[in-house]
Amino acid sequence: MGYLRGKESKIEAQKELVSLPGGGIFTYRQLKVATQNFNNANKIGEGGFGAVFKGVLTNGTAIAVKQLSAKSKQGSREFVNEVGVISALQHPNLVKLLGCCIDENQLLLVYEYMENNSLAHALFGPEELRVQLNWTIRSKICRGIAKGLAFLHEESKLKIIHRDIKTTNILLDKDFTAKISDFGFAKLHEGEKTHVITKIAGTTGYMAPEYAMRGHLTSKADVYSFGVVLLEIVSGQNSASYRPNDESVYLLDLAYVLQEKGDLLALVDPILGSEYAAKEAKMILELAMLCTNPSPTLRPSMSEVVKVLKGKSRLNYTPSHAPYSADGFARAKAMASRSFSNYSRSMSREEPSNPASYEFSIKEEEVQISADYTPEVTDETGRSPLNNV
C-alpha cells in the first residue's frame, strides 16, 4: 500500500508482498516476455479492472496474468485486497495466486493457469464447450463452488465474504474442477457482528436484495449469489444478460413461476437432453430456490449446502412465494406458459464480455441507515442497476 502512495516506498511494498505465504515478485519484463508483450491473441478474459492474459514462463509453467491500471484508485484498492486475501488462503477450490508485479507503474497479479477458462465461458460460450458440460461435470462444479465458499465462510482462519460470486469469477481447470477467483471485493466477516454498510459492491443479478437495497452484509449474501449460479449451471441460461426493458426474463423470476407450477425440472438445459439425473437435478434446483430466499435467515449456511450436495443431509425445502424481482414476474409467467424449449432457444446464450460489476459508495465510512433506505444509483445507461434485484 505504501507503493501506491509514493514511489519511494516501492521497495518496502515489495518486501511486504514477498513475505506473504505463496506470493512471489515478478518483474514487468518477465511477464511481458511470458505474454508476448500482452498480445491480444493471448487475452483470455477481461474484467472491470483490466484484462487477463495467458503466459508461459521460461521454465514452461503456464500462468494467467491479470493486468490492473496503476492510475485507477479502484484498481489499486482491488490489487492490495486481492494479494492480501488470496495469499492468506489456500484451498483446492480457490484459485492459487503465484505472485504479483509492482514495476514500471504496473500492477499485475499472476495466477495458476486454468485450462477451461471461466464457468461463464463454458456455459454461455461456443456450443462445443457447452456440450462438454455433461451432468456429471455440472454436479461436480456445484459441489466445488460450495466447498470453496464453505471454506471462506466457516473453515479458514480469516472468515471472508466474497461479495461477487458469479459465473465469470468461477474458473475451471483441465479436469473441470471449480475454483473461486477475483477477491477484489472480498470483505472480512466479523463473526456475529453485522451492520449496515454504504459501500455496495457486486454484480447486478447476483446481489442479495437485503445487501443491494439496504447494505446489510452477512455471509448469506454469498449464499444468495451461489443460488443464482446454481440456476445458471442447471439451466445453461445467463442471469447477467437480463435487462428490465427488453423481452428477456430474469432467470430467478422464471424459476419462481416454474416452482409455482411444480415443474422446476423444465429449467434443465435442453442441451443435456435426457442425459441427466432427474432426482439430483430437482434437489439442486430446490436448493437454489432455498439459497435465493428473500429472507437471509431462511437461507442455509454453505456448510449445510455442502452436506446436501454430498447426500449427507436432506434438504428442508419450503417453496417461497415472494419473488423480489416483481417487475418481470408477470412477463415470466407469460413466457413460462409457452413451450419452454422454444423459450430456452430464444434466450441469449452469448457470454458477456464484461458483466457489469459495481462498487457504489455513498460515504467512505460505515454508517447506520434506516431499513427502508435505497441508494439512488444508476449505471451507464441511466437505469438503476438495483432495479432487477
Protein backbone atom coordinates (compact mmCIF):
# COMPACT_ATOMS: atom_id res chain seq x y z
CA MET A 1 0.00 0.00 0.00
CA GLY A 2 2.97 2.27 0.62
CA TYR A 3 3.93 1.97 -3.06
CA LEU A 4 0.50 3.15 -4.08
CA ARG A 5 1.08 6.33 -2.04
CA GLY A 6 4.50 7.07 -3.48
CA LYS A 7 7.36 5.56 -5.47
CA GLU A 8 9.76 5.97 -2.57
CA SER A 9 8.02 3.13 -0.74
CA LYS A 10 8.20 0.70 -3.68
CA ILE A 11 10.98 -1.50 -2.22
CA GLU A 12 9.25 -1.72 1.17
CA ALA A 13 5.97 -2.72 -0.50
CA GLN A 14 7.73 -5.43 -2.50
CA LYS A 15 9.30 -6.85 0.66
CA GLU A 16 5.89 -6.94 2.34
CA LEU A 17 4.33 -8.77 -0.62
CA VAL A 18 7.20 -11.30 -0.87
CA SER A 19 6.73 -12.16 2.79
CA LEU A 20 3.15 -13.25 2.17
CA PRO A 21 2.68 -17.08 2.03
CA GLY A 22 2.81 -18.41 -1.52
CA GLY A 23 3.47 -14.98 -3.00
CA GLY A 24 6.41 -14.00 -5.18
CA ILE A 25 7.58 -10.94 -7.07
CA PHE A 26 7.75 -10.97 -10.87
CA THR A 27 9.35 -8.24 -12.94
CA TYR A 28 7.37 -6.48 -15.63
CA ARG A 29 9.94 -7.69 -18.15
CA GLN A 30 9.34 -11.33 -17.16
CA LEU A 31 5.59 -11.00 -17.65
CA LYS A 32 5.97 -9.02 -20.86
CA VAL A 33 8.05 -11.87 -22.34
CA ALA A 34 5.70 -14.54 -20.97
CA THR A 35 2.62 -12.94 -22.56
CA GLN A 36 4.39 -11.90 -25.80
CA ASN A 37 4.08 -8.23 -24.87
CA PHE A 38 0.49 -8.72 -23.67
CA ASN A 39 -0.55 -9.78 -27.15
CA ASN A 40 -4.31 -9.65 -27.75
CA ALA A 41 -4.07 -13.20 -29.13
CA ASN A 42 -3.21 -14.29 -25.56
CA LYS A 43 -6.10 -12.43 -23.92
CA ILE A 44 -8.33 -14.93 -22.11
CA GLY A 45 -10.66 -12.57 -20.29
CA GLU A 46 -11.46 -9.04 -19.26
CA GLY A 47 -13.00 -7.69 -16.08
CA GLY A 48 -13.86 -4.36 -14.52
CA PHE A 49 -10.25 -3.70 -13.52
CA GLY A 50 -8.34 -4.90 -16.57
CA ALA A 51 -7.55 -7.77 -18.92
CA VAL A 52 -6.28 -11.29 -18.20
CA PHE A 53 -3.60 -12.83 -20.44
CA LYS A 54 -2.24 -16.33 -20.78
CA GLY A 55 1.55 -16.51 -20.41
CA VAL A 56 4.30 -19.09 -20.33
CA LEU A 57 7.33 -18.59 -18.06
CA THR A 58 10.83 -19.52 -19.21
CA ASN A 59 10.59 -22.76 -17.20
CA GLY A 60 7.50 -23.76 -19.20
CA THR A 61 4.92 -23.02 -16.49
CA ALA A 62 1.64 -21.69 -17.88
CA ILE A 63 0.28 -18.67 -15.98
CA ALA A 64 -2.62 -16.23 -16.11
CA VAL A 65 -1.66 -12.56 -15.72
CA LYS A 66 -4.28 -10.08 -14.54
CA GLN A 67 -3.31 -6.55 -15.55
CA LEU A 68 -4.66 -3.71 -13.41
CA SER A 69 -4.38 0.00 -14.07
CA ALA A 70 -1.98 1.69 -11.65
CA LYS A 71 -3.75 5.01 -12.31
CA SER A 72 -7.08 3.68 -11.06
CA LYS A 73 -7.74 4.18 -7.36
CA GLN A 74 -10.34 1.42 -7.51
CA GLY A 75 -7.94 -0.94 -9.29
CA SER A 76 -5.18 -0.24 -6.77
CA ARG A 77 -7.50 -0.98 -3.90
CA GLU A 78 -8.57 -4.24 -5.54
CA PHE A 79 -4.91 -5.17 -6.12
CA VAL A 80 -3.96 -4.76 -2.45
CA ASN A 81 -7.11 -6.53 -1.28
CA GLU A 82 -6.64 -9.49 -3.60
CA VAL A 83 -2.96 -10.01 -2.78
CA GLY A 84 -3.75 -9.89 0.93
CA VAL A 85 -6.76 -12.19 0.82
CA ILE A 86 -5.62 -14.91 -1.59
CA SER A 87 -2.10 -15.13 -0.19
CA ALA A 88 -3.57 -15.93 3.22
CA LEU A 89 -5.94 -18.61 1.90
CA GLN A 90 -5.16 -22.00 0.34
CA HIS A 91 -7.87 -24.44 -0.76
CA PRO A 92 -8.40 -26.78 -3.75
CA ASN A 93 -11.46 -24.74 -4.78
CA LEU A 94 -9.79 -21.31 -4.61
CA VAL A 95 -7.61 -20.10 -7.45
CA LYS A 96 -3.91 -20.07 -6.49
CA LEU A 97 -2.00 -16.78 -6.55
CA LEU A 98 1.59 -17.34 -7.71
CA GLY A 99 2.75 -13.77 -7.22
CA CYS A 100 2.47 -10.18 -8.35
CA CYS A 101 4.34 -7.37 -10.07
CA ILE A 102 4.80 -3.77 -9.00
CA ASP A 103 7.07 -2.44 -11.70
CA GLU A 104 7.19 0.37 -14.28
CA ASN A 105 3.94 1.86 -12.97
CA GLN A 106 2.21 -1.50 -13.48
CA LEU A 107 0.09 -3.58 -11.10
CA LEU A 108 -0.19 -7.22 -12.15
CA LEU A 109 -1.36 -10.40 -10.44
CA VAL A 110 -0.06 -13.82 -11.52
CA TYR A 111 -2.28 -16.89 -11.06
CA GLU A 112 -2.17 -20.56 -11.92
CA TYR A 113 -3.46 -21.06 -15.46
CA MET A 114 -6.94 -22.58 -15.72
CA GLU A 115 -7.23 -24.59 -18.94
CA ASN A 116 -11.03 -24.38 -19.26
CA ASN A 117 -11.31 -20.63 -18.65
CA SER A 118 -14.37 -19.47 -16.68
CA LEU A 119 -17.67 -21.16 -15.94
CA ALA A 120 -19.38 -18.35 -17.88
CA HIS A 121 -17.28 -19.18 -20.94
CA ALA A 122 -18.12 -22.88 -20.65
CA LEU A 123 -21.85 -22.32 -20.10
CA PHE A 124 -22.52 -19.43 -22.48
CA GLY A 125 -19.66 -19.74 -24.97
CA PRO A 126 -19.33 -21.85 -28.14
CA GLU A 127 -21.61 -24.90 -28.37
CA GLU A 128 -18.67 -27.33 -28.49
CA LEU A 129 -17.73 -26.15 -24.98
CA ARG A 130 -21.29 -26.41 -23.67
CA VAL A 131 -21.56 -30.00 -24.90
CA GLN A 132 -18.60 -30.93 -22.67
CA LEU A 133 -20.54 -29.82 -19.60
CA ASN A 134 -22.40 -33.08 -19.09
CA TRP A 135 -24.46 -33.62 -15.96
CA THR A 136 -21.64 -35.28 -14.01
CA ILE A 137 -19.35 -32.30 -14.60
CA ARG A 138 -22.08 -29.76 -13.73
CA SER A 139 -22.80 -31.59 -10.48
CA LYS A 140 -19.06 -31.64 -9.67
CA ILE A 141 -18.81 -27.89 -10.33
CA CYS A 142 -21.74 -27.18 -7.97
CA ARG A 143 -20.02 -29.12 -5.17
CA GLY A 144 -16.67 -27.45 -5.83
CA ILE A 145 -18.05 -23.91 -5.58
CA ALA A 146 -19.95 -24.84 -2.42
CA LYS A 147 -16.82 -26.28 -0.77
CA GLY A 148 -14.81 -23.17 -1.65
CA LEU A 149 -17.44 -20.87 -0.14
CA ALA A 150 -17.83 -23.05 2.96
CA PHE A 151 -14.07 -22.75 3.47
CA LEU A 152 -14.17 -18.95 3.11
CA HIS A 153 -17.14 -18.51 5.43
CA GLU A 154 -16.51 -21.08 8.13
CA GLU A 155 -13.24 -23.03 7.89
CA SER A 156 -10.42 -20.58 7.13
CA LYS A 157 -8.61 -18.51 9.76
CA LEU A 158 -9.87 -15.39 8.01
CA LYS A 159 -13.65 -15.52 7.62
CA ILE A 160 -14.27 -13.95 4.20
CA ILE A 161 -17.41 -12.77 2.38
CA HIS A 162 -16.58 -12.78 -1.34
CA ARG A 163 -19.34 -10.32 -2.42
CA ASP A 164 -19.04 -11.06 -6.16
CA ILE A 165 -19.85 -14.74 -6.73
CA LYS A 166 -20.87 -15.18 -10.40
CA THR A 167 -20.03 -17.49 -13.29
CA THR A 168 -17.24 -15.24 -14.63
CA ASN A 169 -15.48 -15.49 -11.24
CA ILE A 170 -15.56 -19.31 -11.19
CA LEU A 171 -12.60 -20.75 -13.10
CA LEU A 172 -12.24 -24.33 -14.37
CA ASP A 173 -9.01 -26.32 -14.59
CA LYS A 174 -8.27 -29.10 -17.09
CA ASP A 175 -10.40 -31.53 -15.06
CA PHE A 176 -13.27 -29.02 -14.71
CA THR A 177 -12.50 -28.51 -11.01
CA ALA A 178 -14.19 -25.24 -10.00
CA LYS A 179 -12.03 -22.58 -8.34
CA ILE A 180 -13.31 -19.28 -6.97
CA SER A 181 -11.36 -16.24 -8.17
CA ASP A 182 -11.37 -12.42 -8.07
CA PHE A 183 -11.23 -11.36 -4.43
CA GLY A 184 -11.03 -7.63 -5.11
CA PHE A 185 -14.39 -7.00 -3.42
CA ALA A 186 -13.87 -9.54 -0.61
CA LYS A 187 -14.60 -8.37 2.92
CA LEU A 188 -13.60 -9.75 6.31
CA HIS A 189 -16.58 -11.26 8.13
CA GLU A 190 -16.64 -10.15 11.77
CA GLY A 191 -18.37 -13.15 13.28
CA GLU A 192 -21.81 -12.44 14.70
CA LYS A 193 -21.34 -8.69 14.33
CA THR A 194 -23.48 -7.43 11.46
CA HIS A 195 -24.09 -3.88 10.41
CA VAL A 196 -25.42 -1.76 7.59
CA ILE A 197 -22.76 -0.51 5.20
CA THR A 198 -22.91 2.06 2.44
CA LYS A 199 -20.15 0.71 0.17
CA ILE A 200 -22.09 -1.72 -2.00
CA ALA A 201 -20.01 -3.91 -4.31
CA GLY A 202 -21.06 -6.72 -6.58
CA THR A 203 -22.82 -7.57 -9.85
CA THR A 204 -26.46 -6.91 -10.64
CA GLY A 205 -28.49 -10.08 -10.98
CA TYR A 206 -26.40 -11.84 -8.33
CA MET A 207 -26.65 -9.48 -5.35
CA ALA A 208 -28.87 -10.42 -2.42
CA PRO A 209 -31.78 -7.96 -2.02
CA GLU A 210 -31.06 -7.06 1.60
CA TYR A 211 -27.48 -6.19 0.66
CA ALA A 212 -28.22 -4.35 -2.60
CA MET A 213 -31.08 -2.29 -1.17
CA ARG A 214 -30.15 -1.82 2.48
CA GLY A 215 -26.42 -2.54 2.64
CA HIS A 216 -26.97 -5.36 5.15
CA LEU A 217 -23.99 -7.68 4.62
CA THR A 218 -23.55 -11.20 6.00
CA SER A 219 -22.25 -14.45 4.52
CA LYS A 220 -25.85 -15.12 3.41
CA ALA A 221 -25.28 -12.58 0.61
CA ASP A 222 -22.78 -15.05 -0.93
CA VAL A 223 -25.30 -17.86 -0.41
CA TYR A 224 -27.85 -15.92 -2.48
CA SER A 225 -25.32 -15.37 -5.29
CA PHE A 226 -24.44 -19.06 -5.18
CA GLY A 227 -28.13 -19.90 -5.60
CA VAL A 228 -28.30 -17.82 -8.79
CA VAL A 229 -25.16 -19.58 -10.09
CA LEU A 230 -26.77 -22.98 -9.37
CA LEU A 231 -29.74 -21.97 -11.54
CA GLU A 232 -27.36 -20.97 -14.34
CA ILE A 233 -25.39 -24.23 -14.14
CA VAL A 234 -28.52 -26.40 -14.35
CA SER A 235 -30.38 -24.31 -16.95
CA GLY A 236 -27.49 -23.12 -19.11
CA GLN A 237 -29.17 -19.68 -19.09
CA ASN A 238 -27.35 -16.43 -18.33
CA SER A 239 -28.83 -14.42 -15.47
CA ALA A 240 -26.49 -11.49 -16.18
CA SER A 241 -27.93 -10.99 -19.69
CA TYR A 242 -31.29 -9.86 -18.28
CA ARG A 243 -32.29 -6.21 -18.83
CA PRO A 244 -35.56 -4.87 -17.33
CA ASN A 245 -36.77 -3.16 -20.51
CA ASP A 246 -36.15 -5.86 -23.10
CA GLU A 247 -38.06 -9.03 -23.94
CA SER A 248 -35.90 -11.36 -21.85
CA VAL A 249 -36.87 -12.73 -18.45
CA TYR A 250 -34.82 -12.69 -15.28
CA LEU A 251 -33.86 -16.30 -14.59
CA LEU A 252 -34.94 -16.23 -10.94
CA ASP A 253 -38.40 -14.89 -11.92
CA LEU A 254 -38.79 -17.80 -14.32
CA ALA A 255 -37.68 -20.24 -11.62
CA TYR A 256 -40.36 -18.87 -9.23
CA VAL A 257 -43.02 -19.36 -11.90
CA LEU A 258 -41.96 -22.94 -12.64
CA GLN A 259 -41.77 -23.61 -8.90
CA GLU A 260 -45.41 -22.47 -8.60
CA LYS A 261 -46.33 -24.83 -11.43
CA GLY A 262 -44.47 -27.68 -9.72
CA ASP A 263 -42.25 -28.04 -12.78
CA LEU A 264 -38.77 -26.87 -11.78
CA LEU A 265 -37.22 -29.58 -13.96
CA ALA A 266 -38.39 -27.62 -17.02
CA LEU A 267 -35.36 -25.39 -16.27
CA VAL A 268 -32.85 -28.14 -17.09
CA ASP A 269 -30.63 -27.19 -20.03
CA PRO A 270 -32.15 -28.65 -23.25
CA ILE A 271 -28.62 -29.41 -24.49
CA LEU A 272 -28.49 -32.23 -21.90
CA GLY A 273 -31.50 -33.96 -23.45
CA SER A 274 -32.45 -36.83 -21.15
CA GLU A 275 -28.83 -37.41 -20.09
CA TYR A 276 -29.09 -36.12 -16.53
CA ALA A 277 -30.03 -37.41 -13.09
CA ALA A 278 -33.56 -36.08 -12.61
CA LYS A 279 -33.65 -36.65 -8.84
CA GLU A 280 -30.34 -34.85 -8.30
CA ALA A 281 -31.29 -32.04 -10.69
CA LYS A 282 -34.54 -31.46 -8.78
CA MET A 283 -32.63 -31.41 -5.50
CA ILE A 284 -30.12 -28.84 -6.83
CA LEU A 285 -32.87 -26.62 -8.24
CA GLU A 286 -34.78 -26.74 -4.94
CA LEU A 287 -31.54 -25.93 -3.14
CA ALA A 288 -31.03 -22.95 -5.49
CA MET A 289 -34.51 -21.67 -4.59
CA LEU A 290 -33.75 -22.06 -0.88
CA CYS A 291 -30.43 -20.21 -1.27
CA THR A 292 -32.18 -17.31 -3.07
CA ASN A 293 -34.95 -16.99 -0.49
CA PRO A 294 -35.76 -13.27 0.01
CA SER A 295 -35.20 -13.74 3.75
CA PRO A 296 -31.49 -14.25 4.57
CA THR A 297 -32.35 -16.09 7.79
CA LEU A 298 -34.11 -18.81 5.78
CA ARG A 299 -31.09 -19.44 3.55
CA PRO A 300 -28.82 -22.33 4.57
CA SER A 301 -25.17 -21.91 5.53
CA MET A 302 -22.62 -23.08 2.96
CA SER A 303 -21.57 -26.00 5.19
CA GLU A 304 -25.21 -27.16 5.16
CA VAL A 305 -25.26 -26.75 1.37
CA VAL A 306 -22.15 -28.95 1.03
CA LYS A 307 -23.77 -31.71 3.13
CA VAL A 308 -26.90 -31.63 0.96
CA LEU A 309 -24.89 -31.74 -2.28
CA LYS A 310 -22.84 -34.67 -0.95
CA GLY A 311 -26.01 -36.53 0.01
CA LYS A 312 -25.11 -36.44 3.71
CA SER A 313 -28.10 -34.31 4.69
CA ARG A 314 -31.66 -33.99 3.47
CA LEU A 315 -32.96 -30.72 2.10
CA ASN A 316 -35.52 -28.90 4.23
CA TYR A 317 -37.35 -27.33 1.32
CA THR A 318 -40.31 -24.98 1.69
CA PRO A 319 -41.29 -23.20 -1.56
CA SER A 320 -41.14 -19.41 -1.34
CA HIS A 321 -43.92 -17.36 -2.89
CA ALA A 322 -42.38 -13.92 -2.57
CA PRO A 323 -40.17 -13.14 -5.58
CA TYR A 324 -38.09 -9.99 -5.15
CA SER A 325 -37.82 -9.25 -8.87
CA ALA A 326 -41.51 -8.36 -9.20
CA ASP A 327 -41.04 -6.09 -12.22
CA GLY A 328 -40.54 -9.07 -14.53
CA PHE A 329 -42.66 -11.65 -12.74
CA ALA A 330 -45.77 -11.19 -14.93
CA ARG A 331 -43.66 -11.45 -18.07
CA ALA A 332 -42.03 -14.60 -16.68
CA LYS A 333 -45.47 -16.14 -16.20
CA ALA A 334 -46.39 -15.35 -19.79
CA MET A 335 -43.11 -16.79 -21.06
CA ALA A 336 -43.42 -19.94 -18.97
CA SER A 337 -46.86 -20.62 -20.47
CA ARG A 338 -45.19 -21.10 -23.86
CA SER A 339 -43.24 -24.19 -24.83
CA PHE A 340 -40.21 -23.90 -22.53
CA SER A 341 -37.85 -25.48 -25.06
CA ASN A 342 -38.76 -22.79 -27.60
CA TYR A 343 -38.27 -20.11 -24.98
CA SER A 344 -34.85 -21.52 -23.99
CA ARG A 345 -33.63 -21.37 -27.56
CA SER A 346 -34.78 -17.75 -27.83
CA MET A 347 -32.77 -16.62 -24.81
CA SER A 348 -29.28 -15.24 -25.40
CA ARG A 349 -26.51 -17.76 -24.83
CA GLU A 350 -23.75 -15.27 -25.51
CA GLU A 351 -21.07 -15.00 -22.86
CA PRO A 352 -20.95 -11.43 -21.51
CA SER A 353 -17.62 -9.87 -22.48
CA ASN A 354 -17.56 -7.79 -19.32
CA PRO A 355 -20.51 -8.35 -16.96
CA ALA A 356 -21.34 -5.21 -15.02
CA SER A 357 -19.65 -5.11 -11.64
CA TYR A 358 -20.35 -2.15 -9.44
CA GLU A 359 -18.89 -0.57 -6.35
CA PHE A 360 -21.31 2.03 -5.07
CA SER A 361 -20.03 4.48 -2.46
CA ILE A 362 -22.29 6.95 -0.70
CA LYS A 363 -19.87 7.73 2.13
CA GLU A 364 -16.43 6.38 2.82
CA GLU A 365 -17.27 5.50 6.41
CA GLU A 366 -19.74 2.85 7.50
CA VAL A 367 -22.93 4.35 8.95
CA GLN A 368 -26.25 3.16 10.30
CA ILE A 369 -29.11 3.91 7.91
CA SER A 370 -32.81 3.26 8.07
CA ALA A 371 -34.09 -0.12 6.95
CA ASP A 372 -36.20 1.36 4.15
CA TYR A 373 -33.33 3.33 2.58
CA THR A 374 -32.49 2.55 -1.05
CA PRO A 375 -29.41 4.19 -2.62
CA GLU A 376 -30.13 6.15 -5.80
CA VAL A 377 -27.52 4.74 -8.16
CA THR A 378 -27.64 4.48 -11.93
CA ASP A 379 -25.38 2.70 -14.39
CA GLU A 380 -24.02 3.99 -17.69
CA THR A 381 -27.44 3.54 -19.36
CA GLY A 382 -29.13 5.79 -16.83
CA ARG A 383 -31.09 2.89 -15.28
CA SER A 384 -30.71 1.86 -11.70
CA PRO A 385 -28.64 -1.34 -11.51
CA LEU A 386 -30.67 -2.29 -8.43
CA ASN A 387 -33.99 -2.47 -10.28
CA ASN A 388 -33.60 -6.06 -11.37
CA VAL A 389 -32.68 -7.47 -7.97
